PDB file of N, CA and C in Angstrom:
ATOM      1  N   MET A   1       0.836  -1.165  -0.116  1.00  0.00           N
ATOM      2  CA  MET A   1       0.230  -0.048  -0.015  1.00  0.00           C
ATOM      3  C   MET A   1       1.070   1.447   0.099  1.00  0.00           C
ATOM      4  N   ILE A   2       0.711   2.574  -0.842  1.00  0.00           N
ATOM      5  CA  ILE A   2       1.237   3.693  -0.861  1.00  0.00           C
ATOM      6  C   ILE A   2       0.802   4.475   0.007  1.00  0.00           C
ATOM      7  N   ASP A   3       2.192   4.977   0.597  1.00  0.00           N
ATOM      8  CA  ASP A   3       1.234   6.336   1.808  1.00  0.00           C
ATOM      9  C   ASP A   3       1.243   7.752   1.127  1.00  0.00           C
ATOM     10  N   SER A   4       0.269   8.281   1.078  1.00  0.00           N
ATOM     11  CA  SER A   4       0.232   9.386   0.373  1.00  0.00           C
ATOM     12  C   SER A   4       0.785  10.583   0.648  1.00  0.00           C
ATOM     13  N   SER A   5       0.995  10.182   2.004  1.00  0.00           N
ATOM     14  CA  SER A   5       1.740  11.275   3.158  1.00  0.00           C
ATOM     15  C   SER A   5       3.342  11.393   2.801  1.00  0.00           C
ATOM     16  N   ASP A   6       3.559  10.254   2.185  1.00  0.00           N
ATOM     17  CA  ASP A   6       5.219  10.223   1.498  1.00  0.00           C
ATOM     18  C   ASP A   6       5.874  11.216   1.236  1.00  0.00           C
ATOM     19  N   SER A   7       6.911  12.130   1.786  1.00  0.00           N
ATOM     20  CA  SER A   7       6.895  13.105   1.324  1.00  0.00           C
ATOM     21  C   SER A   7       8.424  13.058   0.632  1.00  0.00           C
ATOM     22  N   SER A   8       8.936  12.038   0.576  1.00  0.00           N
ATOM     23  CA  SER A   8      10.273  11.439  -0.359  1.00  0.00           C
ATOM     24  C   SER A   8       9.884  11.928  -1.878  1.00  0.00           C
ATOM     25  N   ARG A   9       8.762  11.470  -1.931  1.00  0.00           N
ATOM     26  CA  ARG A   9       7.865  11.272  -3.866  1.00  0.00           C
ATOM     27  C   ARG A   9       7.729  12.642  -4.254  1.00  0.00           C
ATOM     28  N   PRO A  10       7.880  13.326  -5.029  1.00  0.00           N
ATOM     29  CA  PRO A  10       7.935  14.622  -5.954  1.00  0.00           C
ATOM     30  C   PRO A  10       6.446  14.861  -5.261  1.00  0.00           C
ATOM     31  N   GLY A  11       6.203  16.232  -5.077  1.00  0.00           N
ATOM     32  CA  GLY A  11       4.788  16.396  -5.050  1.00  0.00           C
ATOM     33  C   GLY A  11       4.843  16.702  -3.274  1.00  0.00           C
ATOM     34  N   GLY A  12       5.282  15.516  -2.633  1.00  0.00           N
ATOM     35  CA  GLY A  12       5.244  15.771  -1.058  1.00  0.00           C
ATOM     36  C   GLY A  12       4.143  15.175  -0.336  1.00  0.00           C
ATOM     37  N   GLY A  13       3.165  14.977  -1.278  1.00  0.00           N
ATOM     38  CA  GLY A  13       2.258  14.089  -0.432  1.00  0.00           C
ATOM     39  C   GLY A  13       1.231  15.113   0.577  1.00  0.00           C
ATOM     40  N   LYS A  14       0.873  15.117   2.090  1.00  0.00           N
ATOM     41  CA  LYS A  14       0.274  15.439   2.649  1.00  0.00           C
ATOM     42  C   LYS A  14       1.019  16.871   3.601  1.00  0.00           C
ATOM     43  N   THR A  15       2.708  16.361   3.611  1.00  0.00           N
ATOM     44  CA  THR A  15       3.753  17.240   4.302  1.00  0.00           C
ATOM     45  C   THR A  15       3.587  18.501   3.762  1.00  0.00           C
ATOM     46  N   GLN A  16       3.814  18.284   2.126  1.00  0.00           N
ATOM     47  CA  GLN A  16       3.747  19.428   0.985  1.00  0.00           C
ATOM     48  C   GLN A  16       2.803  20.350   1.508  1.00  0.00           C
ATOM     49  N   GLY A  17       1.181  19.651   1.676  1.00  0.00           N
ATOM     50  CA  GLY A  17      -0.049  20.366   1.505  1.00  0.00           C
ATOM     51  C   GLY A  17      -0.140  21.236   2.763  1.00  0.00           C
ATOM     52  N   ALA A  18       0.333  20.411   3.922  1.00  0.00           N
ATOM     53  CA  ALA A  18       0.289  21.490   5.197  1.00  0.00           C
ATOM     54  C   ALA A  18       1.735  22.577   5.209  1.00  0.00           C
ATOM     55  N   GLY A  19       2.821  22.734   4.600  1.00  0.00           N
ATOM     56  CA  GLY A  19       3.449  23.408   4.318  1.00  0.00           C
ATOM     57  C   GLY A  19       2.902  24.840   3.767  1.00  0.00           C
ATOM     58  N   LEU A  20       2.473  24.375   2.557  1.00  0.00           N
ATOM     59  CA  LEU A  20       1.758  25.287   1.840  1.00  0.00           C
ATOM     60  C   LEU A  20       0.492  25.876   2.292  1.00  0.00           C
ATOM     61  N   GLU A  21      -0.055  25.249   3.251  1.00  0.00           N
ATOM     62  CA  GLU A  21      -1.243  26.011   3.834  1.00  0.00           C
ATOM     63  C   GLU A  21      -0.556  26.852   4.906  1.00  0.00           C
ATOM     64  N   GLU A  22       0.276  26.378   5.371  1.00  0.00           N
ATOM     65  CA  GLU A  22       1.048  26.933   6.661  1.00  0.00           C
ATOM     66  C   GLU A  22       1.650  28.466   6.339  1.00  0.00           C
ATOM     67  N   ALA A  23       1.952  28.559   4.655  1.00  0.00           N
ATOM     68  CA  ALA A  23       2.559  29.266   4.219  1.00  0.00           C
ATOM     69  C   ALA A  23       1.941  30.424   3.893  1.00  0.00           C
ATOM     70  N   ARG A  24       0.506  30.059   3.223  1.00  0.00           N
ATOM     71  CA  ARG A  24      -0.450  30.855   3.010  1.00  0.00           C
ATOM     72  C   ARG A  24      -1.288  31.473   4.717  1.00  0.00           C
ATOM     73  N   LEU A  25      -0.989  30.829   5.347  1.00  0.00           N
ATOM     74  CA  LEU A  25      -1.648  31.603   6.632  1.00  0.00           C
ATOM     75  C   LEU A  25      -0.678  32.722   7.254  1.00  0.00           C
ATOM     76  N   ARG A  26       0.663  32.571   6.904  1.00  0.00           N
ATOM     77  CA  ARG A  26       1.702  33.222   7.286  1.00  0.00           C
ATOM     78  C   ARG A  26       1.544  34.611   6.710  1.00  0.00           C
ATOM     79  N   GLN A  27       1.510  34.137   4.832  1.00  0.00           N
ATOM     80  CA  GLN A  27       1.350  35.393   4.050  1.00  0.00           C
ATOM     81  C   GLN A  27      -0.002  36.214   4.557  1.00  0.00           C
ATOM     82  N   GLN A  28      -0.949  35.751   4.829  1.00  0.00           N
ATOM     83  CA  GLN A  28      -2.326  36.557   5.512  1.00  0.00           C
ATOM     84  C   GLN A  28      -1.776  37.274   6.441  1.00  0.00           C
ATOM     85  N   ALA A  29      -1.289  36.438   7.493  1.00  0.00           N
ATOM     86  CA  ALA A  29      -0.992  37.126   8.624  1.00  0.00           C
ATOM     87  C   ALA A  29      -0.298  38.672   8.394  1.00  0.00           C
ATOM     88  N   ILE A  30       0.931  38.406   7.638  1.00  0.00           N
ATOM     89  CA  ILE A  30       1.788  39.176   7.023  1.00  0.00           C
ATOM     90  C   ILE A  30       0.666  40.333   6.413  1.00  0.00           C
ATOM     91  N   GLY A  31      -0.088  40.157   5.745  1.00  0.00           N
ATOM     92  CA  GLY A  31      -0.796  41.382   5.102  1.00  0.00           C
ATOM     93  C   GLY A  31      -1.660  42.093   6.351  1.00  0.00           C
ATOM     94  N   VAL A  32      -2.280  41.051   6.881  1.00  0.00           N
ATOM     95  CA  VAL A  32      -2.997  41.743   8.290  1.00  0.00           C
ATOM     96  C   VAL A  32      -2.272  42.720   8.617  1.00  0.00           C
ATOM     97  N   LYS A  33      -1.222  42.471   9.044  1.00  0.00           N
ATOM     98  CA  LYS A  33      -0.230  43.357   9.693  1.00  0.00           C
ATOM     99  C   LYS A  33      -0.109  44.845   9.007  1.00  0.00           C
ATOM    100  N   LEU A  34       0.406  44.831   7.816  1.00  0.00           N
ATOM    101  CA  LEU A  34       0.726  45.554   6.892  1.00  0.00           C
ATOM    102  C   LEU A  34      -0.055  46.406   6.691  1.00  0.00           C
ATOM    103  N   ARG A  35      -1.446  45.931   6.547  1.00  0.00           N
ATOM    104  CA  ARG A  35      -2.555  46.841   6.552  1.00  0.00           C
ATOM    105  C   ARG A  35      -3.042  47.775   7.736  1.00  0.00           C
ATOM    106  N   HIS A  36      -2.738  46.844   8.939  1.00  0.00           N
ATOM    107  CA  HIS A  36      -2.738  47.560  10.020  1.00  0.00           C
ATOM    108  C   HIS A  36      -1.796  48.970  10.291  1.00  0.00           C
ATOM    109  N   MET A  37      -0.593  48.762  10.060  1.00  0.00           N
ATOM    110  CA  MET A  37       0.237  49.445   9.896  1.00  0.00           C
ATOM    111  C   MET A  37       0.012  51.135   8.840  1.00  0.00           C
ATOM    112  N   PHE A  38      -0.193  50.428   7.790  1.00  0.00           N
ATOM    113  CA  PHE A  38      -0.527  51.526   6.700  1.00  0.00           C
ATOM    114  C   PHE A  38      -1.620  52.381   7.200  1.00  0.00           C
ATOM    115  N   ASP A  39      -2.631  51.842   7.732  1.00  0.00           N
ATOM    116  CA  ASP A  39      -3.639  52.719   8.201  1.00  0.00           C
ATOM    117  C   ASP A  39      -3.526  53.431   9.625  1.00  0.00           C
ATOM    118  N   GLU A  40      -2.619  52.873  10.546  1.00  0.00           N
ATOM    119  CA  GLU A  40      -2.025  54.098  11.354  1.00  0.00           C
ATOM    120  C   GLU A  40      -0.978  55.641  10.975  1.00  0.00           C
ATOM    121  N   VAL A  41      -0.219  54.809  10.362  1.00  0.00           N
ATOM    122  CA  VAL A  41       0.486  55.786   9.409  1.00  0.00           C
ATOM    123  C   VAL A  41      -0.581  57.298   8.861  1.00  0.00           C
ATOM    124  N   VAL A  42      -1.526  56.553   7.581  1.00  0.00           N
ATOM    125  CA  VAL A  42      -2.251  57.114   6.978  1.00  0.00           C
ATOM    126  C   VAL A  42      -2.901  58.314   8.042  1.00  0.00           C
ATOM    127  N   ASN A  43      -3.546  57.811   9.197  1.00  0.00           N
ATOM    128  CA  ASN A  43      -4.246  58.500  10.075  1.00  0.00           C
ATOM    129  C   ASN A  43      -3.529  59.092  11.130  1.00  0.00           C
ATOM    130  N   GLU A  44      -2.271  59.547  11.034  1.00  0.00           N
ATOM    131  CA  GLU A  44      -1.634  60.030  11.970  1.00  0.00           C
ATOM    132  C   GLU A  44      -2.059  61.593  11.218  1.00  0.00           C
ATOM    133  N   PRO A  45      -1.769  62.602  12.378  1.00  0.00           N
ATOM    134  CA  PRO A  45      -1.867  63.841  11.826  1.00  0.00           C
ATOM    135  C   PRO A  45      -0.442  64.587  11.229  1.00  0.00           C
ATOM    136  N   VAL A  46      -0.860  65.273  10.526  1.00  0.00           N
ATOM    137  CA  VAL A  46       0.489  66.202   9.772  1.00  0.00           C
ATOM    138  C   VAL A  46       1.161  67.352  11.062  1.00  0.00           C
ATOM    139  N   PRO A  47       2.158  66.901  10.871  1.00  0.00           N
ATOM    140  CA  PRO A  47       2.882  68.021  11.736  1.00  0.00           C
ATOM    141  C   PRO A  47       2.936  69.381  11.205  1.00  0.00           C
ATOM    142  N   ASP A  48       2.593  70.455  12.612  1.00  0.00           N
ATOM    143  CA  ASP A  48       2.056  71.756  12.338  1.00  0.00           C
ATOM    144  C   ASP A  48       3.524  72.370  11.351  1.00  0.00           C
ATOM    145  N   GLU A  49       4.502  71.896  11.716  1.00  0.00           N
ATOM    146  CA  GLU A  49       6.058  72.551  11.313  1.00  0.00           C
ATOM    147  C   GLU A  49       5.660  72.387   9.307  1.00  0.00           C
ATOM    148  N   PHE A  50       5.061  71.227   9.064  1.00  0.00           N
ATOM    149  CA  PHE A  50       4.806  70.733   7.966  1.00  0.00           C
ATOM    150  C   PHE A  50       4.060  71.569   7.337  1.00  0.00           C
ATOM    151  N   LEU A  51       2.749  71.565   7.953  1.00  0.00           N
ATOM    152  CA  LEU A  51       1.775  72.253   7.235  1.00  0.00           C
ATOM    153  C   LEU A  51       2.063  73.755   6.851  1.00  0.00           C
ATOM    154  N   GLU A  52       2.873  73.969   7.573  1.00  0.00           N
ATOM    155  CA  GLU A  52       3.500  75.897   7.525  1.00  0.00           C
ATOM    156  C   GLU A  52       4.095  75.598   6.336  1.00  0.00           C
ATOM    157  N   ILE A  53       5.233  74.896   6.036  1.00  0.00           N
ATOM    158  CA  ILE A  53       5.931  74.624   4.821  1.00  0.00           C
ATOM    159  C   ILE A  53       5.117  74.534   3.775  1.00  0.00           C
ATOM    160  N   LEU A  54       4.303  73.745   3.868  1.00  0.00           N
ATOM    161  CA  LEU A  54       3.236  73.454   2.294  1.00  0.00           C
ATOM    162  C   LEU A  54       2.593  74.831   2.224  1.00  0.00           C
ATOM    163  N   LYS A  55       2.109  75.362   3.557  1.00  0.00           N
ATOM    164  CA  LYS A  55       1.562  76.724   3.380  1.00  0.00           C
ATOM    165  C   LYS A  55       2.409  77.915   2.197  1.00  0.00           C
ATOM    166  N   ARG A  56       3.297  78.224   2.666  1.00  0.00           N
ATOM    167  CA  ARG A  56       4.882  78.926   2.260  1.00  0.00           C
ATOM    168  C   ARG A  56       4.651  78.700   1.039  1.00  0.00           C
ATOM    169  N   ALA A  57       4.568  76.979   0.450  1.00  0.00           N
ATOM    170  CA  ALA A  57       5.154  77.148  -0.772  1.00  0.00           C
ATOM    171  C   ALA A  57       3.928  77.458  -1.813  1.00  0.00           C
ATOM    172  N   ASP A  58       2.553  76.618  -1.168  1.00  0.00           N
ATOM    173  CA  ASP A  58       1.648  77.668  -1.838  1.00  0.00           C
ATOM    174  C   ASP A  58       1.330  78.639  -2.721  1.00  0.00           C
ATOM    175  N   ALA A  59       1.808  79.674  -1.240  1.00  0.00           N
ATOM    176  CA  ALA A  59       1.902  81.124  -1.488  1.00  0.00           C
ATOM    177  C   ALA A  59       2.702  81.540  -2.383  1.00  0.00           C
ATOM    178  N   LYS A  60       3.841  80.783  -2.492  1.00  0.00           N
ATOM    179  CA  LYS A  60       5.411  81.576  -2.979  1.00  0.00           C
ATOM    180  C   LYS A  60       4.688  81.073  -4.459  1.00  0.00           C
ATOM    181  N   ALA A  61       4.018  79.593  -5.162  1.00  0.00           N
ATOM    182  CA  ALA A  61       4.088  79.313  -6.501  1.00  0.00           C
ATOM    183  C   ALA A  61       2.763  80.412  -7.048  1.00  0.00           C
ATOM    184  N   SER A  62       1.661  80.591  -6.146  1.00  0.00           N
ATOM    185  CA  SER A  62       0.894  81.602  -6.614  1.00  0.00           C
ATOM    186  C   SER A  62       1.094  83.205  -6.512  1.00  0.00           C
ATOM    187  N   GLY A  63       2.130  83.432  -6.593  1.00  0.00           N
ATOM    188  CA  GLY A  63       2.878  84.760  -6.315  1.00  0.00           C
ATOM    189  C   GLY A  63       2.338  85.663  -5.160  1.00  0.00           C
ATOM    190  N   GLY A  64       2.072  84.883  -4.162  1.00  0.00           N
ATOM    191  CA  GLY A  64       1.686  85.756  -2.979  1.00  0.00           C
ATOM    192  C   GLY A  64       2.890  85.791  -2.008  1.00  0.00           C
ATOM    193  N   ASP A  65       2.889  86.558  -1.159  1.00  0.00           N
ATOM    194  CA  ASP A  65       3.845  86.969  -0.001  1.00  0.00           C
ATOM    195  C   ASP A  65       3.686  85.851   1.310  1.00  0.00           C
ATOM    196  N   ALA A  66       4.514  85.178   1.887  1.00  0.00           N
ATOM    197  CA  ALA A  66       4.529  84.035   2.718  1.00  0.00           C
ATOM    198  C   ALA A  66       5.161  84.864   4.012  1.00  0.00           C
TER     199      ALA A  66
END
């Protein structure tokens, strides 16, 4: 009788399937963490100093004095 979980055969049987499932779950977890980190960065307030720089740049581009 041939055991389908024999990982020495090409294709790896159940062992390879478990490894692929583990890799897929790991990728999913990484994706969730990355989305969470991105959302945190996007929702951070813009520093006042940076807003002032942007205002001056806009004023200069429109020909106004800042």
